PDB file of all heavy atoms in Angstrom:
ATOM      1  N   ASP A   1     -28.222  26.256  32.489  1.00  0.00           N
ATOM      2  CA  ASP A   1     -27.821  27.538  31.872  1.00  0.00           C
ATOM      3  C   ASP A   1     -28.281  27.562  30.482  1.00  0.00           C
ATOM      4  O   ASP A   1     -28.173  26.664  29.735  1.00  0.00           O
ATOM      5  CB  ASP A   1     -26.334  27.737  31.921  1.00  0.00           C
ATOM      6  CG  ASP A   1     -25.889  29.204  31.629  1.00  0.00           C
ATOM      7  OD1 ASP A   1     -26.001  29.488  30.333  1.00  0.00           O
ATOM      8  OD2 ASP A   1     -25.409  29.879  32.544  1.00  0.00           O
ATOM      9  N   PRO A   2     -29.021  28.706  30.006  1.00  0.00           N
ATOM     10  CA  PRO A   2     -29.541  28.758  28.690  1.00  0.00           C
ATOM     11  C   PRO A   2     -28.469  28.660  27.572  1.00  0.00           C
ATOM     12  O   PRO A   2     -28.863  28.467  26.422  1.00  0.00           O
ATOM     13  CB  PRO A   2     -30.324  30.036  28.662  1.00  0.00           C
ATOM     14  CG  PRO A   2     -29.719  30.904  29.784  1.00  0.00           C
ATOM     15  CD  PRO A   2     -29.347  29.847  30.853  1.00  0.00           C
ATOM     16  N   ARG A   3     -27.226  28.941  27.900  1.00  0.00           N
ATOM     17  CA  ARG A   3     -26.177  28.833  26.895  1.00  0.00           C
ATOM     18  C   ARG A   3     -25.881  27.296  26.547  1.00  0.00           C
ATOM     19  O   ARG A   3     -25.273  27.070  25.480  1.00  0.00           O
ATOM     20  CB  ARG A   3     -24.978  29.435  27.388  1.00  0.00           C
ATOM     21  CG  ARG A   3     -24.985  30.927  27.321  1.00  0.00           C
ATOM     22  CD  ARG A   3     -23.816  31.561  28.055  1.00  0.00           C
ATOM     23  NE  ARG A   3     -23.950  31.543  29.543  1.00  0.00           N
ATOM     24  CZ  ARG A   3     -23.121  32.145  30.368  1.00  0.00           C
ATOM     25  NH1 ARG A   3     -22.104  32.780  29.960  1.00  0.00           N
ATOM     26  NH2 ARG A   3     -23.403  32.017  31.666  1.00  0.00           N
ATOM     27  N   LEU A   4     -26.392  26.415  27.274  1.00  0.00           N
ATOM     28  CA  LEU A   4     -26.381  24.984  26.939  1.00  0.00           C
ATOM     29  C   LEU A   4     -27.680  24.621  26.460  1.00  0.00           C
ATOM     30  O   LEU A   4     -28.750  25.048  26.986  1.00  0.00           O
ATOM     31  CB  LEU A   4     -25.950  24.145  28.136  1.00  0.00           C
ATOM     32  CG  LEU A   4     -24.551  24.477  28.778  1.00  0.00           C
ATOM     33  CD1 LEU A   4     -24.293  23.734  30.015  1.00  0.00           C
ATOM     34  CD2 LEU A   4     -23.463  24.230  27.831  1.00  0.00           C
ATOM     35  N   THR A   5     -27.712  23.646  25.539  1.00  0.00           N
ATOM     36  CA  THR A   5     -28.984  23.134  25.054  1.00  0.00           C
ATOM     37  C   THR A   5     -29.007  21.582  25.039  1.00  0.00           C
ATOM     38  O   THR A   5     -28.015  20.852  24.904  1.00  0.00           O
ATOM     39  CB  THR A   5     -29.191  23.547  23.573  1.00  0.00           C
ATOM     40  OG1 THR A   5     -28.036  23.055  22.737  1.00  0.00           O
ATOM     41  CG2 THR A   5     -29.242  25.093  23.510  1.00  0.00           C
ATOM     42  N   PRO A   6     -30.154  21.026  25.348  1.00  0.00           N
ATOM     43  CA  PRO A   6     -30.296  19.493  25.370  1.00  0.00           C
ATOM     44  C   PRO A   6     -29.811  18.905  24.041  1.00  0.00           C
ATOM     45  O   PRO A   6     -30.090  19.499  22.951  1.00  0.00           O
ATOM     46  CB  PRO A   6     -31.802  19.284  25.526  1.00  0.00           C
ATOM     47  CG  PRO A   6     -32.263  20.580  26.220  1.00  0.00           C
ATOM     48  CD  PRO A   6     -31.476  21.625  25.713  1.00  0.00           C
ATOM     49  N   GLY A   7     -29.096  17.818  24.067  1.00  0.00           N
ATOM     50  CA  GLY A   7     -28.625  17.167  22.964  1.00  0.00           C
ATOM     51  C   GLY A   7     -27.181  17.437  22.636  1.00  0.00           C
ATOM     52  O   GLY A   7     -26.578  16.781  21.791  1.00  0.00           O
ATOM     53  N   MET A   8     -26.590  18.407  23.311  1.00  0.00           N
ATOM     54  CA  MET A   8     -25.146  18.707  23.080  1.00  0.00           C
ATOM     55  C   MET A   8     -24.299  17.580  23.482  1.00  0.00           C
ATOM     56  O   MET A   8     -24.559  16.848  24.403  1.00  0.00           O
ATOM     57  CB  MET A   8     -24.730  19.954  23.911  1.00  0.00           C
ATOM     58  CG  MET A   8     -25.030  21.314  23.318  1.00  0.00           C
ATOM     59  SD  MET A   8     -24.353  22.674  24.376  1.00  0.00           S
ATOM     60  CE  MET A   8     -24.533  23.925  23.329  1.00  0.00           C
ATOM     61  N   THR A   9     -23.218  17.292  22.677  1.00  0.00           N
ATOM     62  CA  THR A   9     -22.259  16.293  23.043  1.00  0.00           C
ATOM     63  C   THR A   9     -21.199  16.918  24.001  1.00  0.00           C
ATOM     64  O   THR A   9     -21.218  18.188  24.242  1.00  0.00           O
ATOM     65  CB  THR A   9     -21.474  15.846  21.770  1.00  0.00           C
ATOM     66  OG1 THR A   9     -20.758  16.978  21.226  1.00  0.00           O
ATOM     67  CG2 THR A   9     -22.505  15.350  20.772  1.00  0.00           C
ATOM     68  N   ALA A  10     -20.361  16.044  24.627  1.00  0.00           N
ATOM     69  CA  ALA A  10     -19.280  16.505  25.434  1.00  0.00           C
ATOM     70  C   ALA A  10     -18.442  17.637  24.743  1.00  0.00           C
ATOM     71  O   ALA A  10     -18.036  18.634  25.205  1.00  0.00           O
ATOM     72  CB  ALA A  10     -18.553  15.382  25.992  1.00  0.00           C
ATOM     73  N   ALA A  11     -18.074  17.261  23.463  1.00  0.00           N
ATOM     74  CA  ALA A  11     -17.169  18.185  22.788  1.00  0.00           C
ATOM     75  C   ALA A  11     -17.823  19.470  22.470  1.00  0.00           C
ATOM     76  O   ALA A  11     -17.161  20.533  22.526  1.00  0.00           O
ATOM     77  CB  ALA A  11     -16.792  17.496  21.475  1.00  0.00           C
ATOM     78  N   GLU A  12     -19.121  19.512  22.224  1.00  0.00           N
ATOM     79  CA  GLU A  12     -19.797  20.746  21.958  1.00  0.00           C
ATOM     80  C   GLU A  12     -19.983  21.583  23.293  1.00  0.00           C
ATOM     81  O   GLU A  12     -19.864  22.833  23.261  1.00  0.00           O
ATOM     82  CB  GLU A  12     -21.186  20.529  21.358  1.00  0.00           C
ATOM     83  CG  GLU A  12     -21.028  19.872  19.945  1.00  0.00           C
ATOM     84  CD  GLU A  12     -22.419  19.383  19.494  1.00  0.00           C
ATOM     85  OE1 GLU A  12     -23.257  19.004  20.318  1.00  0.00           O
ATOM     86  OE2 GLU A  12     -22.659  19.320  18.260  1.00  0.00           O
ATOM     87  N   ALA A  13     -20.280  20.902  24.367  1.00  0.00           N
ATOM     88  CA  ALA A  13     -20.599  21.565  25.590  1.00  0.00           C
ATOM     89  C   ALA A  13     -19.295  22.064  26.384  1.00  0.00           C
ATOM     90  O   ALA A  13     -19.418  23.068  27.056  1.00  0.00           O
ATOM     91  CB  ALA A  13     -21.405  20.686  26.521  1.00  0.00           C
ATOM     92  N   ALA A  14     -18.157  21.372  26.261  1.00  0.00           N
ATOM     93  CA  ALA A  14     -17.049  21.621  27.029  1.00  0.00           C
ATOM     94  C   ALA A  14     -16.573  22.968  27.062  1.00  0.00           C
ATOM     95  O   ALA A  14     -16.426  23.587  28.089  1.00  0.00           O
ATOM     96  CB  ALA A  14     -15.867  20.633  26.675  1.00  0.00           C
ATOM     97  N   PRO A  15     -16.414  23.659  25.912  1.00  0.00           N
ATOM     98  CA  PRO A  15     -15.884  25.016  25.863  1.00  0.00           C
ATOM     99  C   PRO A  15     -16.862  26.029  26.518  1.00  0.00           C
ATOM    100  O   PRO A  15     -16.495  26.996  27.211  1.00  0.00           O
ATOM    101  CB  PRO A  15     -15.600  25.400  24.436  1.00  0.00           C
ATOM    102  CG  PRO A  15     -16.392  24.419  23.634  1.00  0.00           C
ATOM    103  CD  PRO A  15     -16.461  23.131  24.512  1.00  0.00           C
ATOM    104  N   ILE A  16     -18.080  25.841  26.317  1.00  0.00           N
ATOM    105  CA  ILE A  16     -19.141  26.669  26.927  1.00  0.00           C
ATOM    106  C   ILE A  16     -19.171  26.493  28.420  1.00  0.00           C
ATOM    107  O   ILE A  16     -19.333  27.430  29.164  1.00  0.00           O
ATOM    108  CB  ILE A  16     -20.604  26.403  26.268  1.00  0.00           C
ATOM    109  CG1 ILE A  16     -20.505  26.560  24.765  1.00  0.00           C
ATOM    110  CG2 ILE A  16     -21.589  27.265  26.913  1.00  0.00           C
ATOM    111  CD1 ILE A  16     -21.773  26.058  24.082  1.00  0.00           C
ATOM    112  N   VAL A  17     -19.110  25.242  28.897  1.00  0.00           N
ATOM    113  CA  VAL A  17     -19.125  24.950  30.311  1.00  0.00           C
ATOM    114  C   VAL A  17     -17.875  25.666  30.948  1.00  0.00           C
ATOM    115  O   VAL A  17     -17.960  26.117  32.053  1.00  0.00           O
ATOM    116  CB  VAL A  17     -19.081  23.449  30.493  1.00  0.00           C
ATOM    117  CG1 VAL A  17     -18.803  23.107  31.909  1.00  0.00           C
ATOM    118  CG2 VAL A  17     -20.410  22.807  30.091  1.00  0.00           C
ATOM    119  N   GLN A  18     -16.811  25.547  30.307  1.00  0.00           N
ATOM    120  CA  GLN A  18     -15.514  26.225  30.883  1.00  0.00           C
ATOM    121  C   GLN A  18     -15.768  27.735  31.042  1.00  0.00           C
ATOM    122  O   GLN A  18     -15.364  28.332  32.075  1.00  0.00           O
ATOM    123  CB  GLN A  18     -14.362  25.930  30.035  1.00  0.00           C
ATOM    124  CG  GLN A  18     -13.017  26.399  30.578  1.00  0.00           C
ATOM    125  CD  GLN A  18     -12.633  25.834  31.990  1.00  0.00           C
ATOM    126  OE1 GLN A  18     -12.430  24.673  32.089  1.00  0.00           O
ATOM    127  NE2 GLN A  18     -12.735  26.680  32.962  1.00  0.00           N
ATOM    128  N   THR A  19     -16.385  28.380  30.024  1.00  0.00           N
ATOM    129  CA  THR A  19     -16.691  29.757  30.111  1.00  0.00           C
ATOM    130  C   THR A  19     -17.567  30.070  31.249  1.00  0.00           C
ATOM    131  O   THR A  19     -17.286  31.027  32.031  1.00  0.00           O
ATOM    132  CB  THR A  19     -17.204  30.245  28.823  1.00  0.00           C
ATOM    133  OG1 THR A  19     -16.306  30.041  27.746  1.00  0.00           O
ATOM    134  CG2 THR A  19     -17.686  31.710  28.840  1.00  0.00           C
ATOM    135  N   ILE A  20     -18.645  29.350  31.418  1.00  0.00           N
ATOM    136  CA  ILE A  20     -19.579  29.614  32.588  1.00  0.00           C
ATOM    137  C   ILE A  20     -18.904  29.289  33.878  1.00  0.00           C
ATOM    138  O   ILE A  20     -19.131  30.116  34.789  1.00  0.00           O
ATOM    139  CB  ILE A  20     -20.877  28.687  32.256  1.00  0.00           C
ATOM    140  CG1 ILE A  20     -21.507  28.937  31.013  1.00  0.00           C
ATOM    141  CG2 ILE A  20     -21.782  28.882  33.519  1.00  0.00           C
ATOM    142  CD1 ILE A  20     -22.654  27.996  30.667  1.00  0.00           C
ATOM    143  N   ALA A  21     -18.139  28.209  33.990  1.00  0.00           N
ATOM    144  CA  ALA A  21     -17.496  27.992  35.247  1.00  0.00           C
ATOM    145  C   ALA A  21     -16.419  29.080  35.672  1.00  0.00           C
ATOM    146  O   ALA A  21     -16.442  29.472  36.742  1.00  0.00           O
ATOM    147  CB  ALA A  21     -16.720  26.624  35.121  1.00  0.00           C
ATOM    148  N   THR A  22     -15.842  29.563  34.656  1.00  0.00           N
ATOM    149  CA  THR A  22     -14.970  30.723  34.927  1.00  0.00           C
ATOM    150  C   THR A  22     -15.662  31.909  35.473  1.00  0.00           C
ATOM    151  O   THR A  22     -15.251  32.645  36.329  1.00  0.00           O
ATOM    152  CB  THR A  22     -14.140  31.026  33.675  1.00  0.00           C
ATOM    153  OG1 THR A  22     -13.369  29.945  33.181  1.00  0.00           O
ATOM    154  CG2 THR A  22     -13.149  32.198  33.910  1.00  0.00           C
ATOM    155  N   GLU A  23     -16.832  32.207  34.807  1.00  0.00           N
ATOM    156  CA  GLU A  23     -17.661  33.334  35.291  1.00  0.00           C
ATOM    157  C   GLU A  23     -18.136  33.091  36.770  1.00  0.00           C
ATOM    158  O   GLU A  23     -18.137  33.983  37.575  1.00  0.00           O
ATOM    159  CB  GLU A  23     -18.859  33.440  34.468  1.00  0.00           C
ATOM    160  CG  GLU A  23     -18.573  33.883  33.058  1.00  0.00           C
ATOM    161  CD  GLU A  23     -19.830  33.880  32.086  1.00  0.00           C
ATOM    162  OE1 GLU A  23     -20.867  33.576  32.647  1.00  0.00           O
ATOM    163  OE2 GLU A  23     -19.680  34.436  30.938  1.00  0.00           O
ATOM    164  N   TYR A  24     -18.482  31.782  37.067  1.00  0.00           N
ATOM    165  CA  TYR A  24     -18.798  31.586  38.499  1.00  0.00           C
ATOM    166  C   TYR A  24     -17.751  32.005  39.426  1.00  0.00           C
ATOM    167  O   TYR A  24     -18.011  32.621  40.487  1.00  0.00           O
ATOM    168  CB  TYR A  24     -19.169  30.095  38.706  1.00  0.00           C
ATOM    169  CG  TYR A  24     -20.457  29.576  38.019  1.00  0.00           C
ATOM    170  CD1 TYR A  24     -20.664  28.213  37.891  1.00  0.00           C
ATOM    171  CD2 TYR A  24     -21.429  30.450  37.656  1.00  0.00           C
ATOM    172  CE1 TYR A  24     -21.877  27.795  37.315  1.00  0.00           C
ATOM    173  CE2 TYR A  24     -22.533  30.027  37.062  1.00  0.00           C
ATOM    174  CZ  TYR A  24     -22.782  28.618  36.901  1.00  0.00           C
ATOM    175  OH  TYR A  24     -23.971  28.209  36.396  1.00  0.00           O
ATOM    176  N   PHE A  25     -16.482  31.596  39.179  1.00  0.00           N
ATOM    177  CA  PHE A  25     -15.415  31.850  40.085  1.00  0.00           C
ATOM    178  C   PHE A  25     -14.936  33.305  39.997  1.00  0.00           C
ATOM    179  O   PHE A  25     -14.326  33.816  41.014  1.00  0.00           O
ATOM    180  CB  PHE A  25     -14.277  30.928  39.747  1.00  0.00           C
ATOM    181  CG  PHE A  25     -14.542  29.520  40.363  1.00  0.00           C
ATOM    182  CD1 PHE A  25     -15.284  28.572  39.728  1.00  0.00           C
ATOM    183  CD2 PHE A  25     -13.884  29.257  41.555  1.00  0.00           C
ATOM    184  CE1 PHE A  25     -15.501  27.340  40.205  1.00  0.00           C
ATOM    185  CE2 PHE A  25     -14.025  27.919  42.152  1.00  0.00           C
ATOM    186  CZ  PHE A  25     -14.880  27.018  41.480  1.00  0.00           C
ATOM    187  N   ALA A  26     -15.297  33.976  38.984  1.00  0.00           N
ATOM    188  CA  ALA A  26     -15.003  35.399  38.930  1.00  0.00           C
ATOM    189  C   ALA A  26     -16.080  36.243  39.576  1.00  0.00           C
ATOM    190  O   ALA A  26     -15.926  37.458  39.707  1.00  0.00           O
ATOM    191  CB  ALA A  26     -14.832  35.877  37.440  1.00  0.00           C
ATOM    192  N   GLY A  27     -17.178  35.546  39.953  1.00  0.00           N
ATOM    193  CA  GLY A  27     -18.211  36.281  40.636  1.00  0.00           C
ATOM    194  C   GLY A  27     -19.074  37.084  39.663  1.00  0.00           C
ATOM    195  O   GLY A  27     -19.776  38.063  40.130  1.00  0.00           O
TER     196      GLY A  27
END
């Protein structure tokens, strides 16, 4: 997903990942 970028740490990526995952389940 373009909202994630190479080099991100777990702390940096986690909130963005949660947003994207929520979008997946909301269709």
